[in-house]
N, C-alpha and C. Protein backbone atom coordinates (compact mmCIF):
# COMPACT_ATOMS: atom_id res chain seq x y z
N MET A 1 0.81 -1.19 0.00
CA MET A 1 0.00 0.00 0.00
C MET A 1 0.86 1.26 0.00
N VAL A 2 2.13 1.13 -0.37
CA VAL A 2 3.02 2.27 -0.40
C VAL A 2 2.50 3.32 -1.37
N GLU A 3 2.13 2.88 -2.56
CA GLU A 3 1.67 3.82 -3.57
C GLU A 3 0.46 4.61 -3.07
N ALA A 4 -0.49 3.95 -2.46
CA ALA A 4 -1.67 4.63 -1.94
C ALA A 4 -1.30 5.59 -0.81
N THR A 5 -0.32 5.22 0.02
CA THR A 5 0.09 6.06 1.13
C THR A 5 0.79 7.32 0.63
N GLN A 6 1.61 7.18 -0.40
CA GLN A 6 2.35 8.32 -0.92
C GLN A 6 1.43 9.38 -1.51
N ARG A 7 0.37 8.99 -2.15
CA ARG A 7 -0.52 9.98 -2.75
C ARG A 7 -1.74 10.24 -1.87
N GLY A 8 -1.75 9.70 -0.67
CA GLY A 8 -2.90 9.87 0.21
C GLY A 8 -3.80 8.64 0.10
N TRP A 9 -4.46 8.33 1.20
CA TRP A 9 -5.29 7.15 1.22
C TRP A 9 -6.47 7.31 0.28
N ARG A 10 -6.78 6.24 -0.43
CA ARG A 10 -7.94 6.21 -1.31
C ARG A 10 -8.52 4.82 -1.25
N ARG A 11 -9.82 4.76 -1.03
CA ARG A 11 -10.52 3.47 -0.96
C ARG A 11 -10.45 2.79 -2.33
N PRO A 12 -10.14 1.48 -2.38
CA PRO A 12 -10.14 0.76 -3.67
C PRO A 12 -11.52 0.84 -4.31
N ARG A 13 -11.53 1.12 -5.60
CA ARG A 13 -12.79 1.25 -6.33
C ARG A 13 -13.07 0.06 -7.23
N SER A 14 -12.21 -0.94 -7.17
CA SER A 14 -12.42 -2.15 -7.95
C SER A 14 -11.70 -3.31 -7.27
N LEU A 15 -12.09 -4.53 -7.63
CA LEU A 15 -11.38 -5.68 -7.08
C LEU A 15 -9.94 -5.73 -7.61
N PHE A 16 -9.74 -5.22 -8.80
CA PHE A 16 -8.38 -5.13 -9.33
C PHE A 16 -7.52 -4.27 -8.41
N GLU A 17 -8.03 -3.12 -7.98
CA GLU A 17 -7.28 -2.24 -7.09
C GLU A 17 -7.07 -2.86 -5.71
N VAL A 18 -8.01 -3.70 -5.27
CA VAL A 18 -7.86 -4.38 -3.98
C VAL A 18 -6.54 -5.13 -3.94
N VAL A 19 -6.22 -5.84 -5.02
CA VAL A 19 -4.99 -6.63 -5.07
C VAL A 19 -3.80 -5.77 -5.49
N ARG A 20 -3.98 -4.95 -6.48
CA ARG A 20 -2.87 -4.13 -7.00
C ARG A 20 -2.24 -3.27 -5.90
N ASP A 21 -3.08 -2.72 -5.03
CA ASP A 21 -2.59 -1.78 -4.02
C ASP A 21 -2.16 -2.46 -2.72
N ALA A 22 -2.06 -3.78 -2.73
CA ALA A 22 -1.68 -4.53 -1.52
C ALA A 22 -0.23 -4.99 -1.61
N GLU A 23 0.44 -4.91 -0.47
CA GLU A 23 1.81 -5.43 -0.38
C GLU A 23 1.83 -6.82 0.26
N THR A 24 0.82 -7.11 1.08
CA THR A 24 0.76 -8.39 1.79
C THR A 24 -0.64 -8.98 1.65
N THR A 25 -0.77 -10.25 2.03
CA THR A 25 -2.10 -10.86 2.01
C THR A 25 -3.02 -10.18 3.02
N ALA A 26 -2.46 -9.70 4.12
CA ALA A 26 -3.28 -8.98 5.11
C ALA A 26 -3.82 -7.69 4.50
N ASP A 27 -3.00 -7.02 3.69
CA ASP A 27 -3.45 -5.80 3.01
C ASP A 27 -4.64 -6.08 2.10
N ILE A 28 -4.64 -7.25 1.47
CA ILE A 28 -5.75 -7.60 0.58
C ILE A 28 -7.04 -7.66 1.39
N GLY A 29 -7.00 -8.25 2.56
CA GLY A 29 -8.18 -8.30 3.42
C GLY A 29 -8.67 -6.92 3.82
N CYS A 30 -7.75 -6.04 4.20
CA CYS A 30 -8.13 -4.67 4.56
C CYS A 30 -8.69 -3.93 3.35
N ASN A 31 -8.02 -4.08 2.20
CA ASN A 31 -8.49 -3.41 0.99
C ASN A 31 -9.86 -3.93 0.57
N LEU A 32 -10.09 -5.23 0.75
CA LEU A 32 -11.39 -5.80 0.40
C LEU A 32 -12.48 -5.20 1.27
N ALA A 33 -12.21 -5.04 2.55
CA ALA A 33 -13.19 -4.42 3.45
C ALA A 33 -13.50 -2.99 2.99
N ASP A 34 -12.47 -2.25 2.60
CA ASP A 34 -12.68 -0.88 2.11
C ASP A 34 -13.46 -0.89 0.79
N PHE A 35 -13.16 -1.85 -0.08
CA PHE A 35 -13.89 -1.96 -1.34
C PHE A 35 -15.37 -2.25 -1.09
N LEU A 36 -15.66 -3.13 -0.13
CA LEU A 36 -17.06 -3.43 0.19
C LEU A 36 -17.78 -2.19 0.70
N ASP A 37 -17.08 -1.35 1.45
CA ASP A 37 -17.68 -0.07 1.87
C ASP A 37 -17.98 0.79 0.65
N HIS A 38 -17.07 0.80 -0.31
CA HIS A 38 -17.28 1.55 -1.56
C HIS A 38 -18.52 1.03 -2.30
N VAL A 39 -18.64 -0.28 -2.39
CA VAL A 39 -19.80 -0.88 -3.08
C VAL A 39 -21.09 -0.52 -2.35
N ASN A 40 -21.07 -0.54 -1.03
CA ASN A 40 -22.26 -0.17 -0.26
C ASN A 40 -22.65 1.28 -0.50
N LEU A 41 -21.68 2.16 -0.67
CA LEU A 41 -21.98 3.56 -1.01
C LEU A 41 -22.56 3.65 -2.41
N LEU A 42 -21.98 2.91 -3.35
CA LEU A 42 -22.49 2.91 -4.72
C LEU A 42 -23.93 2.41 -4.77
N ALA A 43 -24.24 1.41 -3.97
CA ALA A 43 -25.56 0.79 -4.00
C ALA A 43 -26.66 1.78 -3.63
N LYS A 44 -26.32 2.86 -2.97
CA LYS A 44 -27.31 3.87 -2.57
C LYS A 44 -27.50 4.95 -3.62
N GLN A 45 -26.74 4.88 -4.71
CA GLN A 45 -26.78 5.92 -5.74
C GLN A 45 -27.52 5.42 -6.98
N PRO A 46 -27.96 6.38 -7.80
CA PRO A 46 -28.57 5.98 -9.08
C PRO A 46 -27.55 5.23 -9.94
N ARG A 47 -28.05 4.32 -10.74
CA ARG A 47 -27.21 3.53 -11.64
C ARG A 47 -26.20 2.68 -10.89
N ALA A 48 -26.59 2.23 -9.70
CA ALA A 48 -25.69 1.44 -8.86
C ALA A 48 -25.18 0.19 -9.58
N ALA A 49 -26.07 -0.52 -10.24
CA ALA A 49 -25.69 -1.77 -10.89
C ALA A 49 -24.61 -1.54 -11.94
N VAL A 50 -24.74 -0.49 -12.72
CA VAL A 50 -23.76 -0.18 -13.77
C VAL A 50 -22.40 0.12 -13.14
N ARG A 51 -22.42 0.88 -12.07
CA ARG A 51 -21.16 1.25 -11.41
C ARG A 51 -20.49 0.06 -10.73
N VAL A 52 -21.29 -0.78 -10.08
CA VAL A 52 -20.72 -1.96 -9.44
C VAL A 52 -20.19 -2.92 -10.51
N ALA A 53 -20.92 -3.10 -11.59
CA ALA A 53 -20.45 -3.97 -12.68
C ALA A 53 -19.08 -3.50 -13.18
N ALA A 54 -18.90 -2.21 -13.31
CA ALA A 54 -17.62 -1.66 -13.76
C ALA A 54 -16.51 -1.97 -12.75
N SER A 55 -16.84 -1.96 -11.47
CA SER A 55 -15.83 -2.21 -10.44
C SER A 55 -15.42 -3.68 -10.36
N LEU A 56 -16.21 -4.56 -10.96
CA LEU A 56 -15.94 -6.00 -10.93
C LEU A 56 -15.34 -6.51 -12.24
N ARG A 57 -15.43 -5.72 -13.28
CA ARG A 57 -15.12 -6.17 -14.65
C ARG A 57 -13.68 -6.67 -14.82
N THR A 58 -12.71 -5.92 -14.34
CA THR A 58 -11.31 -6.26 -14.57
C THR A 58 -10.84 -7.30 -13.56
N GLU A 59 -10.30 -8.37 -14.06
CA GLU A 59 -9.83 -9.45 -13.19
C GLU A 59 -8.66 -8.97 -12.33
N PRO A 60 -8.75 -9.22 -11.03
CA PRO A 60 -7.61 -8.87 -10.17
C PRO A 60 -6.43 -9.80 -10.46
N PRO A 61 -5.22 -9.30 -10.24
CA PRO A 61 -4.06 -10.17 -10.40
C PRO A 61 -4.15 -11.36 -9.45
N ARG A 62 -3.54 -12.46 -9.83
CA ARG A 62 -3.49 -13.61 -8.93
C ARG A 62 -2.60 -13.26 -7.74
N THR A 63 -3.00 -13.75 -6.58
CA THR A 63 -2.30 -13.39 -5.35
C THR A 63 -1.22 -14.38 -4.96
N GLY A 64 -1.27 -15.58 -5.51
CA GLY A 64 -0.37 -16.64 -5.08
C GLY A 64 -0.95 -17.47 -3.95
N ASP A 65 -2.14 -17.09 -3.51
CA ASP A 65 -2.85 -17.82 -2.46
C ASP A 65 -4.16 -18.30 -3.07
N ALA A 66 -4.31 -19.61 -3.22
CA ALA A 66 -5.48 -20.18 -3.89
C ALA A 66 -6.78 -19.79 -3.21
N VAL A 67 -6.79 -19.72 -1.88
CA VAL A 67 -8.00 -19.34 -1.16
C VAL A 67 -8.36 -17.89 -1.48
N GLN A 68 -7.38 -17.00 -1.45
CA GLN A 68 -7.69 -15.61 -1.76
C GLN A 68 -8.15 -15.44 -3.20
N ASP A 69 -7.53 -16.15 -4.12
CA ASP A 69 -7.94 -16.04 -5.52
C ASP A 69 -9.38 -16.51 -5.71
N ALA A 70 -9.75 -17.59 -5.06
CA ALA A 70 -11.13 -18.08 -5.14
C ALA A 70 -12.08 -17.13 -4.41
N TYR A 71 -11.65 -16.61 -3.28
CA TYR A 71 -12.49 -15.72 -2.48
C TYR A 71 -12.83 -14.45 -3.27
N LEU A 72 -11.85 -13.89 -3.97
CA LEU A 72 -12.10 -12.68 -4.77
C LEU A 72 -13.14 -12.96 -5.86
N ALA A 73 -13.04 -14.13 -6.47
CA ALA A 73 -14.04 -14.50 -7.49
C ALA A 73 -15.41 -14.67 -6.87
N ALA A 74 -15.46 -15.27 -5.69
CA ALA A 74 -16.75 -15.45 -5.00
C ALA A 74 -17.36 -14.10 -4.64
N VAL A 75 -16.54 -13.17 -4.19
CA VAL A 75 -17.04 -11.82 -3.87
C VAL A 75 -17.65 -11.19 -5.11
N ALA A 76 -16.93 -11.25 -6.23
CA ALA A 76 -17.43 -10.64 -7.46
C ALA A 76 -18.74 -11.30 -7.91
N ALA A 77 -18.79 -12.61 -7.88
CA ALA A 77 -20.00 -13.32 -8.30
C ALA A 77 -21.16 -13.03 -7.36
N HIS A 78 -20.89 -12.97 -6.07
CA HIS A 78 -21.93 -12.70 -5.08
C HIS A 78 -22.49 -11.28 -5.25
N LEU A 79 -21.62 -10.31 -5.39
CA LEU A 79 -22.08 -8.93 -5.57
C LEU A 79 -22.88 -8.78 -6.86
N ALA A 80 -22.40 -9.41 -7.92
CA ALA A 80 -23.11 -9.35 -9.20
C ALA A 80 -24.51 -9.94 -9.05
N HIS A 81 -24.60 -11.10 -8.43
CA HIS A 81 -25.90 -11.74 -8.23
C HIS A 81 -26.83 -10.86 -7.40
N ARG A 82 -26.28 -10.28 -6.36
CA ARG A 82 -27.09 -9.43 -5.47
C ARG A 82 -27.72 -8.26 -6.21
N LEU A 83 -27.05 -7.77 -7.27
CA LEU A 83 -27.56 -6.64 -8.03
C LEU A 83 -28.22 -7.07 -9.35
N GLY A 84 -28.40 -8.38 -9.53
CA GLY A 84 -29.06 -8.87 -10.74
C GLY A 84 -28.18 -8.77 -11.97
N LEU A 85 -26.88 -8.82 -11.78
CA LEU A 85 -25.92 -8.73 -12.89
C LEU A 85 -25.35 -10.10 -13.19
N ARG A 86 -24.80 -10.24 -14.37
CA ARG A 86 -24.07 -11.45 -14.72
C ARG A 86 -22.68 -11.35 -14.10
N ALA A 87 -22.21 -12.42 -13.51
CA ALA A 87 -20.87 -12.43 -12.93
C ALA A 87 -19.83 -12.29 -14.04
N PRO A 88 -18.76 -11.56 -13.77
CA PRO A 88 -17.71 -11.43 -14.79
C PRO A 88 -17.15 -12.80 -15.18
N ALA A 89 -16.77 -12.95 -16.44
CA ALA A 89 -16.28 -14.23 -16.96
C ALA A 89 -15.06 -14.74 -16.18
N TRP A 90 -14.22 -13.84 -15.70
CA TRP A 90 -13.00 -14.28 -15.00
C TRP A 90 -13.32 -15.06 -13.73
N THR A 91 -14.51 -14.89 -13.17
CA THR A 91 -14.84 -15.58 -11.93
C THR A 91 -15.02 -17.08 -12.13
N ASP A 92 -15.16 -17.51 -13.38
CA ASP A 92 -15.35 -18.93 -13.67
C ASP A 92 -14.07 -19.66 -14.04
N LYS A 93 -12.95 -18.98 -14.00
CA LYS A 93 -11.68 -19.63 -14.34
C LYS A 93 -11.36 -20.72 -13.32
N LYS A 94 -10.70 -21.75 -13.79
CA LYS A 94 -10.41 -22.91 -12.94
C LYS A 94 -9.61 -22.53 -11.70
N TYR A 95 -8.65 -21.65 -11.83
CA TYR A 95 -7.83 -21.28 -10.67
C TYR A 95 -8.57 -20.35 -9.70
N ARG A 96 -9.80 -20.00 -10.01
CA ARG A 96 -10.64 -19.22 -9.10
C ARG A 96 -11.58 -20.13 -8.32
N ARG A 97 -11.31 -21.43 -8.36
CA ARG A 97 -12.08 -22.43 -7.60
C ARG A 97 -11.10 -23.33 -6.86
N LEU A 98 -11.48 -23.75 -5.69
CA LEU A 98 -10.61 -24.62 -4.90
C LEU A 98 -10.90 -26.09 -5.19
N ALA A 99 -9.85 -26.89 -5.20
CA ALA A 99 -10.01 -28.33 -5.41
C ALA A 99 -10.55 -29.00 -4.15
N HIS A 100 -10.23 -28.44 -2.99
CA HIS A 100 -10.65 -29.03 -1.72
C HIS A 100 -11.38 -27.97 -0.90
N PRO A 101 -12.33 -28.37 -0.10
CA PRO A 101 -13.10 -27.41 0.71
C PRO A 101 -12.21 -26.62 1.67
N TRP A 102 -12.56 -25.35 1.82
CA TRP A 102 -11.92 -24.47 2.79
C TRP A 102 -13.01 -23.93 3.70
N PHE A 103 -12.78 -23.98 4.99
CA PHE A 103 -13.76 -23.52 5.96
C PHE A 103 -13.22 -22.31 6.71
N ALA A 104 -14.04 -21.27 6.82
CA ALA A 104 -13.64 -20.04 7.51
C ALA A 104 -13.36 -20.30 8.98
N LEU A 105 -14.05 -21.26 9.55
CA LEU A 105 -13.83 -21.66 10.95
C LEU A 105 -13.32 -23.09 10.94
N PRO A 106 -12.17 -23.33 11.56
CA PRO A 106 -11.57 -24.66 11.48
C PRO A 106 -12.22 -25.72 12.36
N ASP A 107 -13.04 -25.32 13.29
CA ASP A 107 -13.63 -26.27 14.22
C ASP A 107 -14.66 -27.16 13.53
N ALA A 108 -14.59 -28.45 13.82
CA ALA A 108 -15.51 -29.41 13.21
C ALA A 108 -16.97 -29.09 13.51
N TRP A 109 -17.25 -28.58 14.71
CA TRP A 109 -18.64 -28.26 15.09
C TRP A 109 -19.23 -27.15 14.23
N ALA A 110 -18.38 -26.29 13.64
CA ALA A 110 -18.87 -25.16 12.85
C ALA A 110 -19.13 -25.54 11.39
N ARG A 111 -18.57 -26.64 10.95
CA ARG A 111 -18.66 -27.00 9.53
C ARG A 111 -20.08 -27.16 9.04
N ALA A 112 -20.93 -27.79 9.81
CA ALA A 112 -22.32 -27.98 9.37
C ALA A 112 -23.01 -26.64 9.15
N THR A 113 -22.77 -25.71 10.03
CA THR A 113 -23.37 -24.38 9.89
C THR A 113 -22.82 -23.68 8.64
N LEU A 114 -21.51 -23.75 8.45
CA LEU A 114 -20.90 -23.11 7.28
C LEU A 114 -21.37 -23.76 5.98
N LEU A 115 -21.49 -25.08 5.97
CA LEU A 115 -22.01 -25.77 4.79
C LEU A 115 -23.42 -25.30 4.45
N ARG A 116 -24.23 -25.09 5.48
CA ARG A 116 -25.61 -24.67 5.29
C ARG A 116 -25.71 -23.18 4.89
N ASP A 117 -24.90 -22.33 5.51
CA ASP A 117 -25.10 -20.88 5.39
C ASP A 117 -24.29 -20.19 4.31
N SER A 118 -23.28 -20.82 3.77
CA SER A 118 -22.44 -20.16 2.77
C SER A 118 -23.26 -19.72 1.57
N PRO A 119 -23.06 -18.47 1.12
CA PRO A 119 -23.75 -18.02 -0.09
C PRO A 119 -23.34 -18.90 -1.29
N PRO A 120 -24.23 -19.07 -2.24
CA PRO A 120 -23.95 -19.95 -3.39
C PRO A 120 -22.65 -19.63 -4.12
N ALA A 121 -22.33 -18.36 -4.31
CA ALA A 121 -21.10 -18.01 -5.03
C ALA A 121 -19.86 -18.54 -4.32
N PHE A 122 -19.95 -18.66 -3.02
CA PHE A 122 -18.83 -19.19 -2.24
C PHE A 122 -18.83 -20.72 -2.28
N ARG A 123 -20.00 -21.32 -2.06
CA ARG A 123 -20.08 -22.79 -2.12
C ARG A 123 -19.59 -23.33 -3.45
N GLU A 124 -19.95 -22.65 -4.54
CA GLU A 124 -19.55 -23.09 -5.89
C GLU A 124 -18.04 -23.12 -6.05
N ARG A 125 -17.34 -22.37 -5.24
CA ARG A 125 -15.88 -22.30 -5.32
C ARG A 125 -15.21 -23.07 -4.18
N ASN A 126 -16.01 -23.88 -3.47
CA ASN A 126 -15.52 -24.72 -2.38
C ASN A 126 -15.07 -23.90 -1.17
N LEU A 127 -15.65 -22.73 -1.01
CA LEU A 127 -15.39 -21.87 0.15
C LEU A 127 -16.61 -21.91 1.05
N PHE A 128 -16.39 -22.14 2.32
CA PHE A 128 -17.50 -22.23 3.25
C PHE A 128 -17.31 -21.22 4.36
N THR A 129 -18.21 -20.26 4.36
CA THR A 129 -18.12 -19.14 5.28
C THR A 129 -19.51 -18.80 5.78
N SER A 130 -19.61 -17.84 6.65
CA SER A 130 -20.92 -17.47 7.17
C SER A 130 -21.72 -16.71 6.11
N GLU A 131 -23.03 -16.70 6.28
CA GLU A 131 -23.89 -16.04 5.30
C GLU A 131 -23.65 -14.54 5.25
N ASP A 132 -23.11 -13.96 6.32
CA ASP A 132 -22.87 -12.52 6.34
C ASP A 132 -21.38 -12.19 6.20
N ALA A 133 -20.64 -13.04 5.49
CA ALA A 133 -19.20 -12.85 5.33
C ALA A 133 -18.84 -11.49 4.73
N LEU A 134 -19.71 -10.95 3.91
CA LEU A 134 -19.42 -9.66 3.26
C LEU A 134 -20.16 -8.50 3.92
N HIS A 135 -20.77 -8.77 5.04
CA HIS A 135 -21.53 -7.71 5.73
C HIS A 135 -20.57 -6.68 6.30
N ARG A 136 -20.92 -5.43 6.09
CA ARG A 136 -20.16 -4.32 6.66
C ARG A 136 -21.14 -3.46 7.43
N ALA A 137 -20.68 -2.88 8.50
CA ALA A 137 -21.56 -2.05 9.35
C ALA A 137 -22.00 -0.80 8.63
């Protein structure tokens, strides 16, 4: 996030920027949270769907972490579905899906809940998380 810090902080306006402006995997998580805030602001404006579609269109660079790469695709597909849009084509690439299930909570007792509650865009990519994984205050 050096580049963003040098010119002043700016919330990522696309999933591409979420990854581009990150130096570490932790930065990607922080940037994703900021991007979701941006999407929530867009959703309150006229032509929200068009603006959100534009923010999802460009495929983010691969992170080197299979879970993060799949998670970014799930976020894009989930947001698109929520606004009645078609998910960007890049979200269907093979490397944007996990070969083995990943659970947000490692405890065996939580798996049944995560299997039940994960949004479809996440389940399709073998990611199991809570239904409000993208919820922001």
